Amino acid sequence: MYPVSWAVVEKETNDSWKWFIALLIKDLDINDQGAGWVFISDQQKGLINSMRDYFPKAEHRMCARHIY
């Protein structure tokens, strides 16, 4: 498990998460809608929506610390 990226944005909105995910796809050269990738994140609703839109084939898990 490695932290791969982070960003500083004015506000955590759906648009800022879509921007972030689009850059992540480009920088990591992720193909096939995320097949074979597993992402672990907090429960931010905008991020969950963006992950569902951009990575429908990837696994998305919630961080155990944030669930607790």
PDB file of N, CA and C in Angstrom:
ATOM      1  N   MET A   1       0.841  -1.157   0.000  1.00  0.00           N
ATOM      2  CA  MET A   1       0.000   0.000   0.000  1.00  0.00           C
ATOM      3  C   MET A   1       0.897   1.233   0.000  1.00  0.00           C
ATOM      4  N   TYR A   2       0.645   2.112  -0.952  1.00  0.00           N
ATOM      5  CA  TYR A   2       1.424   3.335  -1.054  1.00  0.00           C
ATOM      6  C   TYR A   2       0.503   4.522  -1.279  1.00  0.00           C
ATOM      7  N   PRO A   3       0.703   5.607  -0.561  1.00  0.00           N
ATOM      8  CA  PRO A   3      -0.034   6.830  -0.906  1.00  0.00           C
ATOM      9  C   PRO A   3       0.539   7.343  -2.224  1.00  0.00           C
ATOM     10  N   VAL A   4      -0.316   7.596  -3.174  1.00  0.00           N
ATOM     11  CA  VAL A   4       0.143   7.933  -4.517  1.00  0.00           C
ATOM     12  C   VAL A   4       0.040   9.422  -4.814  1.00  0.00           C
ATOM     13  N   SER A   5      -1.021  10.049  -4.370  1.00  0.00           N
ATOM     14  CA  SER A   5      -1.188  11.451  -4.738  1.00  0.00           C
ATOM     15  C   SER A   5      -2.055  12.193  -3.727  1.00  0.00           C
ATOM     16  N   TRP A   6      -1.961  13.508  -3.796  1.00  0.00           N
ATOM     17  CA  TRP A   6      -2.798  14.379  -2.987  1.00  0.00           C
ATOM     18  C   TRP A   6      -2.870  15.711  -3.717  1.00  0.00           C
ATOM     19  N   ALA A   7      -3.840  16.507  -3.373  1.00  0.00           N
ATOM     20  CA  ALA A   7      -4.018  17.816  -4.012  1.00  0.00           C
ATOM     21  C   ALA A   7      -4.569  18.815  -2.998  1.00  0.00           C
ATOM     22  N   VAL A   8      -4.299  20.064  -3.248  1.00  0.00           N
ATOM     23  CA  VAL A   8      -4.858  21.142  -2.452  1.00  0.00           C
ATOM     24  C   VAL A   8      -5.892  21.849  -3.325  1.00  0.00           C
ATOM     25  N   VAL A   9      -7.128  21.878  -2.850  1.00  0.00           N
ATOM     26  CA  VAL A   9      -8.205  22.523  -3.599  1.00  0.00           C
ATOM     27  C   VAL A   9      -8.933  23.497  -2.678  1.00  0.00           C
ATOM     28  N   GLU A  10      -9.682  24.389  -3.289  1.00  0.00           N
ATOM     29  CA  GLU A  10     -10.414  25.375  -2.496  1.00  0.00           C
ATOM     30  C   GLU A  10     -11.513  24.727  -1.663  1.00  0.00           C
ATOM     31  N   LYS A  11     -12.179  23.737  -2.259  1.00  0.00           N
ATOM     32  CA  LYS A  11     -13.287  23.058  -1.612  1.00  0.00           C
ATOM     33  C   LYS A  11     -13.404  21.642  -2.165  1.00  0.00           C
ATOM     34  N   GLU A  12     -13.837  20.698  -1.339  1.00  0.00           N
ATOM     35  CA  GLU A  12     -14.047  19.333  -1.818  1.00  0.00           C
ATOM     36  C   GLU A  12     -15.434  19.253  -2.450  1.00  0.00           C
ATOM     37  N   THR A  13     -15.477  19.458  -3.759  1.00  0.00           N
ATOM     38  CA  THR A  13     -16.731  19.401  -4.501  1.00  0.00           C
ATOM     39  C   THR A  13     -16.652  18.277  -5.517  1.00  0.00           C
ATOM     40  N   ASN A  14     -17.783  17.955  -6.125  1.00  0.00           N
ATOM     41  CA  ASN A  14     -17.782  16.943  -7.187  1.00  0.00           C
ATOM     42  C   ASN A  14     -16.841  17.347  -8.314  1.00  0.00           C
ATOM     43  N   ASP A  15     -16.839  18.623  -8.683  1.00  0.00           N
ATOM     44  CA  ASP A  15     -15.971  19.091  -9.764  1.00  0.00           C
ATOM     45  C   ASP A  15     -14.490  18.967  -9.418  1.00  0.00           C
ATOM     46  N   SER A  16     -14.133  19.309  -8.186  1.00  0.00           N
ATOM     47  CA  SER A  16     -12.721  19.197  -7.817  1.00  0.00           C
ATOM     48  C   SER A  16     -12.287  17.740  -7.752  1.00  0.00           C
ATOM     49  N   TRP A  17     -13.183  16.839  -7.326  1.00  0.00           N
ATOM     50  CA  TRP A  17     -12.838  15.413  -7.325  1.00  0.00           C
ATOM     51  C   TRP A  17     -12.719  14.875  -8.739  1.00  0.00           C
ATOM     52  N   LYS A  18     -13.578  15.302  -9.638  1.00  0.00           N
ATOM     53  CA  LYS A  18     -13.475  14.857 -11.036  1.00  0.00           C
ATOM     54  C   LYS A  18     -12.165  15.339 -11.649  1.00  0.00           C
ATOM     55  N   TRP A  19     -11.778  16.579 -11.349  1.00  0.00           N
ATOM     56  CA  TRP A  19     -10.508  17.112 -11.832  1.00  0.00           C
ATOM     57  C   TRP A  19      -9.356  16.259 -11.304  1.00  0.00           C
ATOM     58  N   PHE A  20      -9.385  15.940 -10.023  1.00  0.00           N
ATOM     59  CA  PHE A  20      -8.333  15.145  -9.396  1.00  0.00           C
ATOM     60  C   PHE A  20      -8.246  13.746 -10.009  1.00  0.00           C
ATOM     61  N   ILE A  21      -9.385  13.096 -10.177  1.00  0.00           N
ATOM     62  CA  ILE A  21      -9.402  11.740 -10.735  1.00  0.00           C
ATOM     63  C   ILE A  21      -8.917  11.748 -12.180  1.00  0.00           C
ATOM     64  N   ALA A  22      -9.311  12.758 -12.957  1.00  0.00           N
ATOM     65  CA  ALA A  22      -8.852  12.854 -14.351  1.00  0.00           C
ATOM     66  C   ALA A  22      -7.326  12.969 -14.417  1.00  0.00           C
ATOM     67  N   LEU A  23      -6.735  13.771 -13.520  1.00  0.00           N
ATOM     68  CA  LEU A  23      -5.272  13.880 -13.480  1.00  0.00           C
ATOM     69  C   LEU A  23      -4.625  12.570 -13.044  1.00  0.00           C
ATOM     70  N   LEU A  24      -5.243  11.885 -12.105  1.00  0.00           N
ATOM     71  CA  LEU A  24      -4.731  10.602 -11.634  1.00  0.00           C
ATOM     72  C   LEU A  24      -4.707   9.580 -12.771  1.00  0.00           C
ATOM     73  N   ILE A  25      -5.764   9.541 -13.550  1.00  0.00           N
ATOM     74  CA  ILE A  25      -5.832   8.628 -14.698  1.00  0.00           C
ATOM     75  C   ILE A  25      -4.697   8.928 -15.672  1.00  0.00           C
ATOM     76  N   LYS A  26      -4.503  10.194 -15.959  1.00  0.00           N
ATOM     77  CA  LYS A  26      -3.454  10.598 -16.903  1.00  0.00           C
ATOM     78  C   LYS A  26      -2.064  10.278 -16.359  1.00  0.00           C
ATOM     79  N   ASP A  27      -1.791  10.673 -15.121  1.00  0.00           N
ATOM     80  CA  ASP A  27      -0.454  10.502 -14.551  1.00  0.00           C
ATOM     81  C   ASP A  27      -0.069   9.039 -14.341  1.00  0.00           C
ATOM     82  N   LEU A  28      -1.019   8.211 -13.961  1.00  0.00           N
ATOM     83  CA  LEU A  28      -0.732   6.794 -13.706  1.00  0.00           C
ATOM     84  C   LEU A  28      -1.007   5.914 -14.918  1.00  0.00           C
ATOM     85  N   ASP A  29      -1.475   6.532 -16.004  1.00  0.00           N
ATOM     86  CA  ASP A  29      -1.791   5.807 -17.242  1.00  0.00           C
ATOM     87  C   ASP A  29      -2.733   4.628 -16.959  1.00  0.00           C
ATOM     88  N   ILE A  30      -3.835   4.932 -16.305  1.00  0.00           N
ATOM     89  CA  ILE A  30      -4.820   3.908 -15.942  1.00  0.00           C
ATOM     90  C   ILE A  30      -5.761   3.692 -17.120  1.00  0.00           C
ATOM     91  N   ASN A  31      -5.864   2.459 -17.549  1.00  0.00           N
ATOM     92  CA  ASN A  31      -6.711   2.107 -18.690  1.00  0.00           C
ATOM     93  C   ASN A  31      -7.809   1.149 -18.264  1.00  0.00           C
ATOM     94  N   ASP A  32      -8.698   0.858 -19.163  1.00  0.00           N
ATOM     95  CA  ASP A  32      -9.753  -0.143 -18.980  1.00  0.00           C
ATOM     96  C   ASP A  32     -10.629   0.160 -17.760  1.00  0.00           C
ATOM     97  N   GLN A  33     -10.939   1.430 -17.558  1.00  0.00           N
ATOM     98  CA  GLN A  33     -11.853   1.863 -16.492  1.00  0.00           C
ATOM     99  C   GLN A  33     -11.424   1.397 -15.105  1.00  0.00           C
ATOM    100  N   GLY A  34     -10.123   1.254 -14.915  1.00  0.00           N
ATOM    101  CA  GLY A  34      -9.595   0.922 -13.598  1.00  0.00           C
ATOM    102  C   GLY A  34      -9.529  -0.556 -13.274  1.00  0.00           C
ATOM    103  N   ALA A  35      -9.771  -1.417 -14.254  1.00  0.00           N
ATOM    104  CA  ALA A  35      -9.718  -2.867 -13.999  1.00  0.00           C
ATOM    105  C   ALA A  35      -8.341  -3.241 -13.450  1.00  0.00           C
ATOM    106  N   GLY A  36      -8.336  -3.999 -12.355  1.00  0.00           N
ATOM    107  CA  GLY A  36      -7.096  -4.440 -11.734  1.00  0.00           C
ATOM    108  C   GLY A  36      -6.543  -3.475 -10.688  1.00  0.00           C
ATOM    109  N   TRP A  37      -7.170  -2.349 -10.497  1.00  0.00           N
ATOM    110  CA  TRP A  37      -6.727  -1.367  -9.508  1.00  0.00           C
ATOM    111  C   TRP A  37      -7.613  -1.434  -8.272  1.00  0.00           C
ATOM    112  N   VAL A  38      -7.024  -1.152  -7.113  1.00  0.00           N
ATOM    113  CA  VAL A  38      -7.764  -1.050  -5.864  1.00  0.00           C
ATOM    114  C   VAL A  38      -7.436   0.311  -5.247  1.00  0.00           C
ATOM    115  N   PHE A  39      -8.471   1.079  -4.920  1.00  0.00           N
ATOM    116  CA  PHE A  39      -8.299   2.389  -4.315  1.00  0.00           C
ATOM    117  C   PHE A  39      -8.871   2.376  -2.902  1.00  0.00           C
ATOM    118  N   ILE A  40      -8.132   2.937  -1.965  1.00  0.00           N
ATOM    119  CA  ILE A  40      -8.578   3.044  -0.586  1.00  0.00           C
ATOM    120  C   ILE A  40      -8.644   4.525  -0.247  1.00  0.00           C
ATOM    121  N   SER A  41      -9.783   4.959   0.281  1.00  0.00           N
ATOM    122  CA  SER A  41      -9.955   6.376   0.572  1.00  0.00           C
ATOM    123  C   SER A  41     -10.877   6.562   1.769  1.00  0.00           C
ATOM    124  N   ASP A  42     -11.127   7.830   2.090  1.00  0.00           N
ATOM    125  CA  ASP A  42     -12.088   8.127   3.144  1.00  0.00           C
ATOM    126  C   ASP A  42     -13.502   8.095   2.553  1.00  0.00           C
ATOM    127  N   GLN A  43     -14.472   8.497   3.314  1.00  0.00           N
ATOM    128  CA  GLN A  43     -15.868   8.371   2.882  1.00  0.00           C
ATOM    129  C   GLN A  43     -16.406   9.659   2.258  1.00  0.00           C
ATOM    130  N   GLN A  44     -15.562  10.447   1.640  1.00  0.00           N
ATOM    131  CA  GLN A  44     -15.969  11.685   0.990  1.00  0.00           C
ATOM    132  C   GLN A  44     -16.926  11.371  -0.165  1.00  0.00           C
ATOM    133  N   LYS A  45     -18.158  11.884  -0.086  1.00  0.00           N
ATOM    134  CA  LYS A  45     -19.187  11.540  -1.072  1.00  0.00           C
ATOM    135  C   LYS A  45     -18.803  11.938  -2.489  1.00  0.00           C
ATOM    136  N   GLY A  46     -18.187  13.104  -2.668  1.00  0.00           N
ATOM    137  CA  GLY A  46     -17.771  13.526  -3.999  1.00  0.00           C
ATOM    138  C   GLY A  46     -16.747  12.590  -4.598  1.00  0.00           C
ATOM    139  N   LEU A  47     -15.838  12.092  -3.772  1.00  0.00           N
ATOM    140  CA  LEU A  47     -14.829  11.147  -4.236  1.00  0.00           C
ATOM    141  C   LEU A  47     -15.473   9.821  -4.613  1.00  0.00           C
ATOM    142  N   ILE A  48     -16.394   9.350  -3.800  1.00  0.00           N
ATOM    143  CA  ILE A  48     -17.080   8.090  -4.093  1.00  0.00           C
ATOM    144  C   ILE A  48     -17.801   8.187  -5.434  1.00  0.00           C
ATOM    145  N   ASN A  49     -18.486   9.291  -5.683  1.00  0.00           N
ATOM    146  CA  ASN A  49     -19.187   9.470  -6.956  1.00  0.00           C
ATOM    147  C   ASN A  49     -18.217   9.496  -8.130  1.00  0.00           C
ATOM    148  N   SER A  50     -17.113  10.207  -7.984  1.00  0.00           N
ATOM    149  CA  SER A  50     -16.123  10.287  -9.066  1.00  0.00           C
ATOM    150  C   SER A  50     -15.484   8.930  -9.328  1.00  0.00           C
ATOM    151  N   MET A  51     -15.188   8.196  -8.270  1.00  0.00           N
ATOM    152  CA  MET A  51     -14.615   6.857  -8.443  1.00  0.00           C
ATOM    153  C   MET A  51     -15.580   5.964  -9.214  1.00  0.00           C
ATOM    154  N   ARG A  52     -16.840   6.043  -8.874  1.00  0.00           N
ATOM    155  CA  ARG A  52     -17.853   5.236  -9.548  1.00  0.00           C
ATOM    156  C   ARG A  52     -17.942   5.609 -11.029  1.00  0.00           C
ATOM    157  N   ASP A  53     -17.854   6.898 -11.349  1.00  0.00           N
ATOM    158  CA  ASP A  53     -17.949   7.363 -12.733  1.00  0.00           C
ATOM    159  C   ASP A  53     -16.720   7.011 -13.560  1.00  0.00           C
ATOM    160  N   TYR A  54     -15.531   7.233 -13.001  1.00  0.00           N
ATOM    161  CA  TYR A  54     -14.296   7.061 -13.757  1.00  0.00           C
ATOM    162  C   TYR A  54     -13.703   5.656 -13.676  1.00  0.00           C
ATOM    163  N   PHE A  55     -13.922   4.968 -12.581  1.00  0.00           N
ATOM    164  CA  PHE A  55     -13.329   3.646 -12.370  1.00  0.00           C
ATOM    165  C   PHE A  55     -14.388   2.590 -12.052  1.00  0.00           C
ATOM    166  N   PRO A  56     -15.318   2.341 -12.946  1.00  0.00           N
ATOM    167  CA  PRO A  56     -16.374   1.372 -12.629  1.00  0.00           C
ATOM    168  C   PRO A  56     -15.866  -0.060 -12.438  1.00  0.00           C
ATOM    169  N   LYS A  57     -14.711  -0.376 -12.996  1.00  0.00           N
ATOM    170  CA  LYS A  57     -14.178  -1.739 -12.883  1.00  0.00           C
ATOM    171  C   LYS A  57     -13.158  -1.881 -11.758  1.00  0.00           C
ATOM    172  N   ALA A  58     -12.787  -0.790 -11.113  1.00  0.00           N
ATOM    173  CA  ALA A  58     -11.802  -0.850 -10.021  1.00  0.00           C
ATOM    174  C   ALA A  58     -12.499  -1.162  -8.707  1.00  0.00           C
ATOM    175  N   GLU A  59     -11.734  -1.710  -7.785  1.00  0.00           N
ATOM    176  CA  GLU A  59     -12.248  -1.918  -6.432  1.00  0.00           C
ATOM    177  C   GLU A  59     -12.007  -0.634  -5.641  1.00  0.00           C
ATOM    178  N   HIS A  60     -12.995  -0.230  -4.867  1.00  0.00           N
ATOM    179  CA  HIS A  60     -12.860   0.959  -4.034  1.00  0.00           C
ATOM    180  C   HIS A  60     -13.240   0.572  -2.616  1.00  0.00           C
ATOM    181  N   ARG A  61     -12.295   0.682  -1.729  1.00  0.00           N
ATOM    182  CA  ARG A  61     -12.498   0.317  -0.333  1.00  0.00           C
ATOM    183  C   ARG A  61     -12.363   1.550   0.547  1.00  0.00           C
ATOM    184  N   MET A  62     -12.982   1.487   1.700  1.00  0.00           N
ATOM    185  CA  MET A  62     -12.899   2.584   2.657  1.00  0.00           C
ATOM    186  C   MET A  62     -11.792   2.307   3.664  1.00  0.00           C
ATOM    187  N   CYS A  63     -11.080   3.345   4.028  1.00  0.00           N
ATOM    188  CA  CYS A  63     -10.019   3.255   5.021  1.00  0.00           C
ATOM    189  C   CYS A  63     -10.632   2.857   6.369  1.00  0.00           C
ATOM    190  N   ALA A  64     -10.068   1.860   6.998  1.00  0.00           N
ATOM    191  CA  ALA A  64     -10.615   1.385   8.273  1.00  0.00           C
ATOM    192  C   ALA A  64     -10.607   2.483   9.334  1.00  0.00           C
ATOM    193  N   ARG A  65      -9.631   3.334   9.307  1.00  0.00           N
ATOM    194  CA  ARG A  65      -9.562   4.428  10.287  1.00  0.00           C
ATOM    195  C   ARG A  65     -10.737   5.386  10.092  1.00  0.00           C
ATOM    196  N   HIS A  66     -11.091   5.674   8.854  1.00  0.00           N
ATOM    197  CA  HIS A  66     -12.180   6.596   8.598  1.00  0.00           C
ATOM    198  C   HIS A  66     -13.542   5.949   8.863  1.00  0.00           C
ATOM    199  N   ILE A  67     -13.649   4.662   8.693  1.00  0.00           N
ATOM    200  CA  ILE A  67     -14.905   3.961   9.009  1.00  0.00           C
ATOM    201  C   ILE A  67     -15.141   3.997  10.513  1.00  0.00           C
ATOM    202  N   TYR A  68     -14.064   3.774  11.294  1.00  0.00           N
ATOM    203  CA  TYR A  68     -14.173   3.766  12.744  1.00  0.00           C
ATOM    204  C   TYR A  68     -14.643   5.116  13.235  1.00  0.00           C
TER     205      TYR A  68
END
